[in-house]
Amino acid sequence: MYSMKGKQRRKLLDLAREQINKSKDDELIQSLEFQGLSFESWDDAFDALNTRFWQGNLKKIPVATTSTSKNWYGLYSHKRFCERITLANNKGLSSREMLGVLLHEMCHHAVHINYGHGKESDRGTRVIGHGKEWKAEMRRVGFLGKISRFTGKERFVS
């Protein structure tokens, strides 16, 4: 494995992570469906993802849905006393795809809590929305392959 080049090693590690995450994701989806979550209660989905990926330690914020003409699936807002996640409900996404978008936005929330936004990081660089800290958090919660600002909706799709 040490003789592999970076991309080959990443592919192999991603394949292993995918196999591990698949069974855990299936358990998560089944438990949400068992609890009767119709994916209209996104606050319950937030709680389930928080428990699974942050051991319940992520600060609870409201999750709402809206119809928008803008080109986004989800939005994490962190104004002074008003943090929230908004999911676009008119983009034709399945509930599983929206669950992946929610997890993407929760990663923004975790980074904001741990590093702030626009503040200087330990490395002396600025923390930005889809920067290194966010990509590391996305990888930590199990997103695979190339991670970009568009990564998210495919997470729980089987």
N, C-alpha and C. Protein backbone atom coordinates (compact mmCIF):
# COMPACT_ATOMS: atom_id res chain seq x y z
N MET A 1 0.81 -1.18 0.00
CA MET A 1 0.00 0.00 0.00
C MET A 1 0.87 1.26 0.00
N TYR A 2 2.04 1.19 0.61
CA TYR A 2 2.89 2.37 0.67
C TYR A 2 3.48 2.73 -0.68
N SER A 3 3.53 1.76 -1.59
CA SER A 3 4.09 2.07 -2.90
C SER A 3 3.04 2.68 -3.83
N MET A 4 1.78 2.71 -3.40
CA MET A 4 0.74 3.30 -4.23
C MET A 4 0.90 4.81 -4.30
N LYS A 5 0.49 5.36 -5.43
CA LYS A 5 0.49 6.81 -5.57
C LYS A 5 -0.72 7.36 -4.81
N GLY A 6 -0.71 8.65 -4.55
CA GLY A 6 -1.75 9.30 -3.74
C GLY A 6 -3.16 9.00 -4.20
N LYS A 7 -3.43 9.13 -5.50
CA LYS A 7 -4.79 8.92 -6.01
C LYS A 7 -5.21 7.46 -5.87
N GLN A 8 -4.28 6.54 -6.10
CA GLN A 8 -4.61 5.12 -5.97
C GLN A 8 -4.92 4.78 -4.51
N ARG A 9 -4.11 5.31 -3.61
CA ARG A 9 -4.32 5.07 -2.18
C ARG A 9 -5.66 5.66 -1.74
N ARG A 10 -5.98 6.88 -2.21
CA ARG A 10 -7.25 7.53 -1.86
C ARG A 10 -8.42 6.69 -2.34
N LYS A 11 -8.32 6.15 -3.57
CA LYS A 11 -9.40 5.31 -4.12
C LYS A 11 -9.62 4.08 -3.27
N LEU A 12 -8.53 3.42 -2.87
CA LEU A 12 -8.62 2.21 -2.05
C LEU A 12 -9.21 2.53 -0.68
N LEU A 13 -8.74 3.61 -0.07
CA LEU A 13 -9.27 4.01 1.25
C LEU A 13 -10.74 4.41 1.14
N ASP A 14 -11.09 5.11 0.07
CA ASP A 14 -12.49 5.50 -0.12
C ASP A 14 -13.39 4.28 -0.29
N LEU A 15 -12.90 3.27 -0.99
CA LEU A 15 -13.67 2.04 -1.18
C LEU A 15 -13.92 1.35 0.17
N ALA A 16 -12.89 1.29 1.00
CA ALA A 16 -13.04 0.69 2.33
C ALA A 16 -14.01 1.50 3.18
N ARG A 17 -13.86 2.84 3.16
CA ARG A 17 -14.78 3.71 3.92
C ARG A 17 -16.21 3.55 3.43
N GLU A 18 -16.37 3.43 2.11
CA GLU A 18 -17.70 3.30 1.53
C GLU A 18 -18.39 2.04 2.05
N GLN A 19 -17.65 0.94 2.13
CA GLN A 19 -18.23 -0.31 2.61
C GLN A 19 -18.65 -0.20 4.08
N ILE A 20 -17.80 0.43 4.88
CA ILE A 20 -18.10 0.61 6.31
C ILE A 20 -19.29 1.55 6.48
N ASN A 21 -19.25 2.69 5.77
CA ASN A 21 -20.32 3.69 5.92
C ASN A 21 -21.66 3.20 5.40
N LYS A 22 -21.64 2.37 4.37
CA LYS A 22 -22.89 1.90 3.76
C LYS A 22 -23.76 1.20 4.81
N SER A 23 -23.16 0.30 5.58
CA SER A 23 -23.96 -0.42 6.58
C SER A 23 -24.42 0.53 7.69
N LYS A 24 -23.57 1.46 8.10
CA LYS A 24 -23.98 2.42 9.14
C LYS A 24 -25.06 3.35 8.63
N ASP A 25 -24.93 3.79 7.36
CA ASP A 25 -25.94 4.66 6.78
C ASP A 25 -27.28 3.95 6.66
N ASP A 26 -27.24 2.68 6.24
CA ASP A 26 -28.47 1.91 6.13
C ASP A 26 -29.16 1.78 7.48
N GLU A 27 -28.37 1.55 8.54
CA GLU A 27 -28.93 1.47 9.89
C GLU A 27 -29.56 2.80 10.29
N LEU A 28 -28.90 3.91 9.96
CA LEU A 28 -29.41 5.24 10.29
C LEU A 28 -30.73 5.49 9.57
N ILE A 29 -30.79 5.21 8.28
CA ILE A 29 -32.01 5.42 7.50
C ILE A 29 -33.13 4.54 8.04
N GLN A 30 -32.83 3.28 8.32
CA GLN A 30 -33.86 2.37 8.85
C GLN A 30 -34.37 2.85 10.20
N SER A 31 -33.47 3.34 11.05
CA SER A 31 -33.93 3.81 12.36
C SER A 31 -34.79 5.06 12.21
N LEU A 32 -34.45 5.94 11.27
CA LEU A 32 -35.28 7.13 11.04
C LEU A 32 -36.64 6.74 10.50
N GLU A 33 -36.66 5.79 9.57
CA GLU A 33 -37.92 5.35 9.00
C GLU A 33 -38.74 4.60 10.05
N PHE A 34 -38.06 3.83 10.91
CA PHE A 34 -38.74 3.09 11.98
C PHE A 34 -39.40 4.06 12.96
N GLN A 35 -38.73 5.19 13.22
CA GLN A 35 -39.28 6.18 14.13
C GLN A 35 -40.43 6.96 13.49
N GLY A 36 -40.74 6.64 12.24
CA GLY A 36 -41.84 7.31 11.57
C GLY A 36 -41.45 8.66 10.99
N LEU A 37 -40.18 8.91 10.85
CA LEU A 37 -39.73 10.19 10.30
C LEU A 37 -40.09 10.23 8.82
N SER A 38 -40.95 11.12 8.48
CA SER A 38 -41.38 11.23 7.09
C SER A 38 -40.51 12.25 6.35
N PHE A 39 -39.46 12.69 6.97
CA PHE A 39 -38.57 13.70 6.43
C PHE A 39 -39.26 15.05 6.28
N GLU A 40 -40.36 15.22 6.99
CA GLU A 40 -40.96 16.54 7.12
C GLU A 40 -40.44 17.16 8.42
N SER A 41 -39.99 16.32 9.32
CA SER A 41 -39.45 16.77 10.59
C SER A 41 -37.93 16.81 10.49
N TRP A 42 -37.42 17.84 9.92
CA TRP A 42 -35.97 17.94 9.71
C TRP A 42 -35.23 18.18 11.02
N ASP A 43 -35.92 18.71 12.03
CA ASP A 43 -35.28 18.85 13.34
C ASP A 43 -34.95 17.47 13.92
N ASP A 44 -35.84 16.48 13.71
CA ASP A 44 -35.55 15.12 14.16
C ASP A 44 -34.39 14.52 13.37
N ALA A 45 -34.33 14.81 12.08
CA ALA A 45 -33.22 14.34 11.26
C ALA A 45 -31.91 14.97 11.74
N PHE A 46 -31.94 16.25 12.09
CA PHE A 46 -30.77 16.93 12.65
C PHE A 46 -30.30 16.19 13.90
N ASP A 47 -31.24 15.87 14.79
CA ASP A 47 -30.89 15.17 16.03
C ASP A 47 -30.25 13.80 15.75
N ALA A 48 -30.81 13.07 14.79
CA ALA A 48 -30.29 11.74 14.47
C ALA A 48 -28.87 11.84 13.89
N LEU A 49 -28.65 12.79 12.98
CA LEU A 49 -27.31 12.97 12.41
C LEU A 49 -26.33 13.48 13.46
N ASN A 50 -26.80 14.35 14.32
CA ASN A 50 -25.97 14.87 15.41
C ASN A 50 -25.51 13.73 16.32
N THR A 51 -26.43 12.85 16.66
CA THR A 51 -26.08 11.70 17.50
C THR A 51 -25.08 10.80 16.80
N ARG A 52 -25.34 10.52 15.53
CA ARG A 52 -24.48 9.58 14.78
C ARG A 52 -23.06 10.13 14.56
N PHE A 53 -22.94 11.39 14.15
CA PHE A 53 -21.65 11.90 13.73
C PHE A 53 -20.94 12.80 14.75
N TRP A 54 -21.68 13.38 15.69
CA TRP A 54 -21.07 14.28 16.67
C TRP A 54 -21.38 13.85 18.10
N GLN A 55 -21.87 12.64 18.29
CA GLN A 55 -22.24 12.10 19.60
C GLN A 55 -23.20 13.04 20.35
N GLY A 56 -24.01 13.78 19.62
CA GLY A 56 -25.00 14.68 20.21
C GLY A 56 -24.43 15.99 20.72
N ASN A 57 -23.16 16.26 20.44
CA ASN A 57 -22.50 17.44 20.99
C ASN A 57 -22.62 18.70 20.14
N LEU A 58 -23.18 18.58 18.94
CA LEU A 58 -23.33 19.75 18.07
C LEU A 58 -24.51 20.58 18.57
N LYS A 59 -24.30 21.87 18.71
CA LYS A 59 -25.35 22.77 19.20
C LYS A 59 -26.58 22.67 18.31
N LYS A 60 -27.74 22.49 18.94
CA LYS A 60 -29.02 22.36 18.21
C LYS A 60 -29.40 23.71 17.61
N ILE A 61 -29.71 23.69 16.31
CA ILE A 61 -30.23 24.88 15.63
C ILE A 61 -31.44 24.46 14.81
N PRO A 62 -32.34 25.40 14.51
CA PRO A 62 -33.53 25.04 13.74
C PRO A 62 -33.20 24.69 12.29
N VAL A 63 -34.00 23.78 11.74
CA VAL A 63 -33.89 23.40 10.34
C VAL A 63 -35.25 23.68 9.70
N ALA A 64 -35.22 24.44 8.62
CA ALA A 64 -36.46 24.79 7.92
C ALA A 64 -36.33 24.45 6.45
N THR A 65 -37.45 24.39 5.77
CA THR A 65 -37.43 24.21 4.32
C THR A 65 -38.08 25.43 3.68
N THR A 66 -37.68 25.70 2.44
CA THR A 66 -38.24 26.81 1.71
C THR A 66 -38.18 26.53 0.22
N SER A 67 -39.01 27.22 -0.51
CA SER A 67 -38.97 27.16 -1.96
C SER A 67 -38.14 28.36 -2.42
N THR A 68 -37.17 28.12 -3.28
CA THR A 68 -36.29 29.20 -3.70
C THR A 68 -35.99 29.11 -5.19
N SER A 69 -35.79 30.24 -5.80
CA SER A 69 -35.38 30.26 -7.21
C SER A 69 -33.87 30.32 -7.32
N LYS A 70 -33.20 30.46 -6.19
CA LYS A 70 -31.73 30.52 -6.19
C LYS A 70 -31.15 29.13 -6.46
N ASN A 71 -29.88 29.10 -6.78
CA ASN A 71 -29.22 27.86 -7.18
C ASN A 71 -28.50 27.19 -6.01
N TRP A 72 -29.24 26.82 -4.97
CA TRP A 72 -28.67 26.09 -3.85
C TRP A 72 -29.67 25.07 -3.32
N TYR A 73 -29.12 24.02 -2.70
CA TYR A 73 -29.94 22.98 -2.09
C TYR A 73 -30.11 23.21 -0.60
N GLY A 74 -29.10 23.75 0.03
CA GLY A 74 -29.12 23.99 1.46
C GLY A 74 -28.28 25.20 1.80
N LEU A 75 -28.56 25.78 2.96
CA LEU A 75 -27.85 27.00 3.36
C LEU A 75 -27.70 27.01 4.88
N TYR A 76 -26.49 27.20 5.34
CA TYR A 76 -26.24 27.37 6.77
C TYR A 76 -26.03 28.85 7.03
N SER A 77 -26.84 29.43 7.90
CA SER A 77 -26.73 30.85 8.23
C SER A 77 -26.24 30.98 9.66
N HIS A 78 -25.32 31.93 9.86
CA HIS A 78 -24.76 32.11 11.21
C HIS A 78 -24.67 33.59 11.55
N LYS A 79 -25.81 34.23 11.51
CA LYS A 79 -25.84 35.63 11.91
C LYS A 79 -25.73 35.71 13.41
N ARG A 80 -25.52 36.87 13.94
CA ARG A 80 -25.18 37.08 15.34
C ARG A 80 -25.94 36.20 16.34
N PHE A 81 -27.22 36.30 16.42
CA PHE A 81 -27.99 35.49 17.38
C PHE A 81 -28.97 34.57 16.67
N CYS A 82 -28.76 34.33 15.40
CA CYS A 82 -29.72 33.56 14.63
C CYS A 82 -29.01 32.57 13.71
N GLU A 83 -28.71 31.40 14.24
CA GLU A 83 -28.13 30.34 13.42
C GLU A 83 -29.26 29.44 12.95
N ARG A 84 -29.18 28.98 11.71
CA ARG A 84 -30.19 28.05 11.21
C ARG A 84 -29.71 27.38 9.94
N ILE A 85 -30.37 26.28 9.61
CA ILE A 85 -30.14 25.59 8.34
C ILE A 85 -31.45 25.64 7.56
N THR A 86 -31.34 26.00 6.29
CA THR A 86 -32.50 26.04 5.42
C THR A 86 -32.26 25.08 4.26
N LEU A 87 -33.23 24.24 3.97
CA LEU A 87 -33.15 23.29 2.87
C LEU A 87 -34.15 23.69 1.79
N ALA A 88 -33.71 23.67 0.54
CA ALA A 88 -34.60 23.99 -0.58
C ALA A 88 -35.47 22.77 -0.87
N ASN A 89 -36.78 22.95 -0.82
CA ASN A 89 -37.69 21.82 -1.00
C ASN A 89 -38.31 21.77 -2.40
N ASN A 90 -37.80 22.58 -3.31
CA ASN A 90 -38.37 22.62 -4.66
C ASN A 90 -37.34 22.28 -5.74
N LYS A 91 -36.34 21.51 -5.40
CA LYS A 91 -35.29 21.17 -6.36
C LYS A 91 -35.40 19.73 -6.87
N GLY A 92 -36.47 19.05 -6.51
CA GLY A 92 -36.67 17.69 -6.99
C GLY A 92 -35.81 16.64 -6.31
N LEU A 93 -35.29 16.94 -5.11
CA LEU A 93 -34.46 15.98 -4.40
C LEU A 93 -35.33 15.01 -3.61
N SER A 94 -34.87 13.77 -3.52
CA SER A 94 -35.53 12.80 -2.66
C SER A 94 -35.22 13.13 -1.21
N SER A 95 -35.96 12.52 -0.28
CA SER A 95 -35.69 12.78 1.13
C SER A 95 -34.30 12.32 1.52
N ARG A 96 -33.81 11.23 0.92
CA ARG A 96 -32.45 10.77 1.22
C ARG A 96 -31.41 11.77 0.71
N GLU A 97 -31.65 12.35 -0.47
CA GLU A 97 -30.72 13.36 -0.99
C GLU A 97 -30.73 14.60 -0.09
N MET A 98 -31.92 14.99 0.37
CA MET A 98 -31.99 16.15 1.27
C MET A 98 -31.31 15.86 2.60
N LEU A 99 -31.35 14.61 3.04
CA LEU A 99 -30.65 14.23 4.27
C LEU A 99 -29.13 14.44 4.09
N GLY A 100 -28.62 14.10 2.91
CA GLY A 100 -27.21 14.35 2.61
C GLY A 100 -26.89 15.84 2.58
N VAL A 101 -27.81 16.65 2.06
CA VAL A 101 -27.62 18.10 2.05
C VAL A 101 -27.61 18.63 3.48
N LEU A 102 -28.51 18.09 4.32
CA LEU A 102 -28.53 18.49 5.73
C LEU A 102 -27.19 18.18 6.39
N LEU A 103 -26.64 17.01 6.14
CA LEU A 103 -25.34 16.65 6.72
C LEU A 103 -24.25 17.60 6.24
N HIS A 104 -24.27 17.98 4.96
CA HIS A 104 -23.33 18.95 4.39
C HIS A 104 -23.42 20.26 5.18
N GLU A 105 -24.65 20.74 5.42
CA GLU A 105 -24.83 22.00 6.14
C GLU A 105 -24.44 21.88 7.61
N MET A 106 -24.66 20.71 8.18
CA MET A 106 -24.24 20.49 9.57
C MET A 106 -22.72 20.53 9.70
N CYS A 107 -22.02 20.12 8.66
CA CYS A 107 -20.55 20.23 8.67
C CYS A 107 -20.13 21.70 8.71
N HIS A 108 -20.86 22.58 7.98
CA HIS A 108 -20.59 24.02 8.07
C HIS A 108 -20.80 24.49 9.50
N HIS A 109 -21.87 24.03 10.12
CA HIS A 109 -22.20 24.41 11.50
C HIS A 109 -21.08 23.97 12.45
N ALA A 110 -20.60 22.75 12.30
CA ALA A 110 -19.53 22.24 13.16
C ALA A 110 -18.25 23.05 12.99
N VAL A 111 -17.91 23.39 11.75
CA VAL A 111 -16.71 24.19 11.49
C VAL A 111 -16.86 25.57 12.09
N HIS A 112 -18.04 26.16 11.96
CA HIS A 112 -18.28 27.49 12.53
C HIS A 112 -18.09 27.46 14.04
N ILE A 113 -18.59 26.43 14.69
CA ILE A 113 -18.44 26.30 16.14
C ILE A 113 -16.97 26.13 16.53
N ASN A 114 -16.26 25.27 15.80
CA ASN A 114 -14.88 24.95 16.16
C ASN A 114 -13.86 25.99 15.74
N TYR A 115 -14.11 26.69 14.64
CA TYR A 115 -13.09 27.61 14.10
C TYR A 115 -13.59 29.03 13.91
N GLY A 116 -14.88 29.24 13.81
CA GLY A 116 -15.41 30.54 13.42
C GLY A 116 -15.36 30.65 11.91
N HIS A 117 -15.88 31.71 11.37
CA HIS A 117 -15.84 31.91 9.92
C HIS A 117 -15.12 33.20 9.63
N GLY A 118 -14.14 33.12 8.74
CA GLY A 118 -13.36 34.31 8.42
C GLY A 118 -12.27 34.60 9.43
N LYS A 119 -12.21 33.76 10.48
CA LYS A 119 -11.18 33.95 11.51
C LYS A 119 -9.92 33.24 11.10
N GLU A 120 -8.84 33.58 11.74
CA GLU A 120 -7.56 32.95 11.43
C GLU A 120 -7.50 31.57 12.08
N SER A 121 -7.05 30.58 11.32
CA SER A 121 -6.94 29.22 11.84
C SER A 121 -5.57 29.04 12.50
N ASP A 122 -5.34 27.85 13.04
CA ASP A 122 -4.06 27.53 13.66
C ASP A 122 -2.90 27.64 12.66
N ARG A 123 -3.20 27.41 11.39
CA ARG A 123 -2.16 27.45 10.36
C ARG A 123 -1.87 28.86 9.88
N GLY A 124 -2.62 29.84 10.41
CA GLY A 124 -2.41 31.22 9.99
C GLY A 124 -3.19 31.60 8.74
N THR A 125 -4.05 30.69 8.26
CA THR A 125 -4.88 31.01 7.10
C THR A 125 -6.30 31.31 7.58
N ARG A 126 -7.11 31.83 6.71
CA ARG A 126 -8.48 32.16 7.07
C ARG A 126 -9.41 30.97 6.85
N VAL A 127 -10.36 30.80 7.77
CA VAL A 127 -11.36 29.74 7.65
C VAL A 127 -12.46 30.25 6.71
N ILE A 128 -12.70 29.52 5.63
CA ILE A 128 -13.74 29.92 4.67
C ILE A 128 -14.77 28.82 4.53
N GLY A 129 -15.89 29.13 3.92
CA GLY A 129 -17.04 28.23 3.82
C GLY A 129 -16.73 26.82 3.35
N HIS A 130 -16.06 26.67 2.23
CA HIS A 130 -15.76 25.35 1.68
C HIS A 130 -14.24 25.12 1.68
N GLY A 131 -13.60 25.57 2.73
CA GLY A 131 -12.15 25.47 2.84
C GLY A 131 -11.68 24.15 3.45
N LYS A 132 -10.43 24.14 3.87
CA LYS A 132 -9.79 22.92 4.36
C LYS A 132 -10.47 22.34 5.59
N GLU A 133 -10.86 23.20 6.52
CA GLU A 133 -11.49 22.72 7.74
C GLU A 133 -12.83 22.04 7.42
N TRP A 134 -13.60 22.65 6.52
CA TRP A 134 -14.88 22.08 6.14
C TRP A 134 -14.69 20.76 5.39
N LYS A 135 -13.73 20.71 4.48
CA LYS A 135 -13.46 19.47 3.74
C LYS A 135 -13.03 18.35 4.69
N ALA A 136 -12.23 18.70 5.69
CA ALA A 136 -11.81 17.69 6.68
C ALA A 136 -13.01 17.18 7.48
N GLU A 137 -13.93 18.07 7.81
CA GLU A 137 -15.14 17.66 8.55
C GLU A 137 -16.03 16.78 7.67
N MET A 138 -16.15 17.13 6.39
CA MET A 138 -16.93 16.31 5.46
C MET A 138 -16.32 14.92 5.34
N ARG A 139 -15.02 14.84 5.26
CA ARG A 139 -14.33 13.55 5.17
C ARG A 139 -14.54 12.77 6.47
N ARG A 140 -14.49 13.47 7.61
CA ARG A 140 -14.64 12.81 8.92
C ARG A 140 -16.02 12.16 9.05
N VAL A 141 -17.06 12.79 8.50
CA VAL A 141 -18.40 12.21 8.61
C VAL A 141 -18.70 11.22 7.50
N GLY A 142 -17.72 10.95 6.64
CA GLY A 142 -17.86 9.85 5.70
C GLY A 142 -18.08 10.19 4.24
N PHE A 143 -18.00 11.45 3.86
CA PHE A 143 -18.10 11.76 2.44
C PHE A 143 -16.84 11.27 1.75
N LEU A 144 -17.00 10.71 0.57
CA LEU A 144 -15.89 10.07 -0.13
C LEU A 144 -15.54 10.80 -1.41
N GLY A 145 -14.40 10.45 -1.97
CA GLY A 145 -14.00 11.00 -3.26
C GLY A 145 -13.66 12.48 -3.17
N LYS A 146 -13.76 13.14 -4.30
CA LYS A 146 -13.47 14.57 -4.35
C LYS A 146 -14.60 15.32 -3.65
N ILE A 147 -14.24 16.19 -2.74
CA ILE A 147 -15.24 16.95 -1.99
C ILE A 147 -15.23 18.38 -2.50
N SER A 148 -16.40 18.85 -2.93
CA SER A 148 -16.53 20.21 -3.40
C SER A 148 -17.76 20.83 -2.77
N ARG A 149 -18.03 22.08 -3.08
CA ARG A 149 -19.20 22.74 -2.51
C ARG A 149 -20.50 22.10 -2.96
N PHE A 150 -20.45 21.24 -3.99
CA PHE A 150 -21.64 20.57 -4.48
C PHE A 150 -21.83 19.18 -3.86
N THR A 151 -20.86 18.70 -3.09
CA THR A 151 -20.94 17.38 -2.48
C THR A 151 -22.02 17.38 -1.40
N GLY A 152 -22.84 16.34 -1.38
CA GLY A 152 -23.81 16.23 -0.30
C GLY A 152 -25.01 15.39 -0.65
N LYS A 153 -25.73 15.74 -1.71
CA LYS A 153 -27.01 15.10 -1.97
C LYS A 153 -26.90 13.61 -2.26
N GLU A 154 -25.73 13.17 -2.71
CA GLU A 154 -25.56 11.75 -3.06
C GLU A 154 -25.23 10.87 -1.86
N ARG A 155 -25.06 11.43 -0.68
CA ARG A 155 -24.54 10.70 0.48
C ARG A 155 -25.36 9.49 0.88
N PHE A 156 -26.67 9.59 0.94
CA PHE A 156 -27.50 8.50 1.46
C PHE A 156 -28.28 7.78 0.36
N VAL A 157 -27.99 8.08 -0.88
CA VAL A 157 -28.68 7.44 -1.99
C VAL A 157 -28.08 6.06 -2.18
N SER A 158 -28.96 5.06 -2.27
CA SER A 158 -28.44 3.69 -2.38
C SER A 158 -28.28 3.28 -3.82
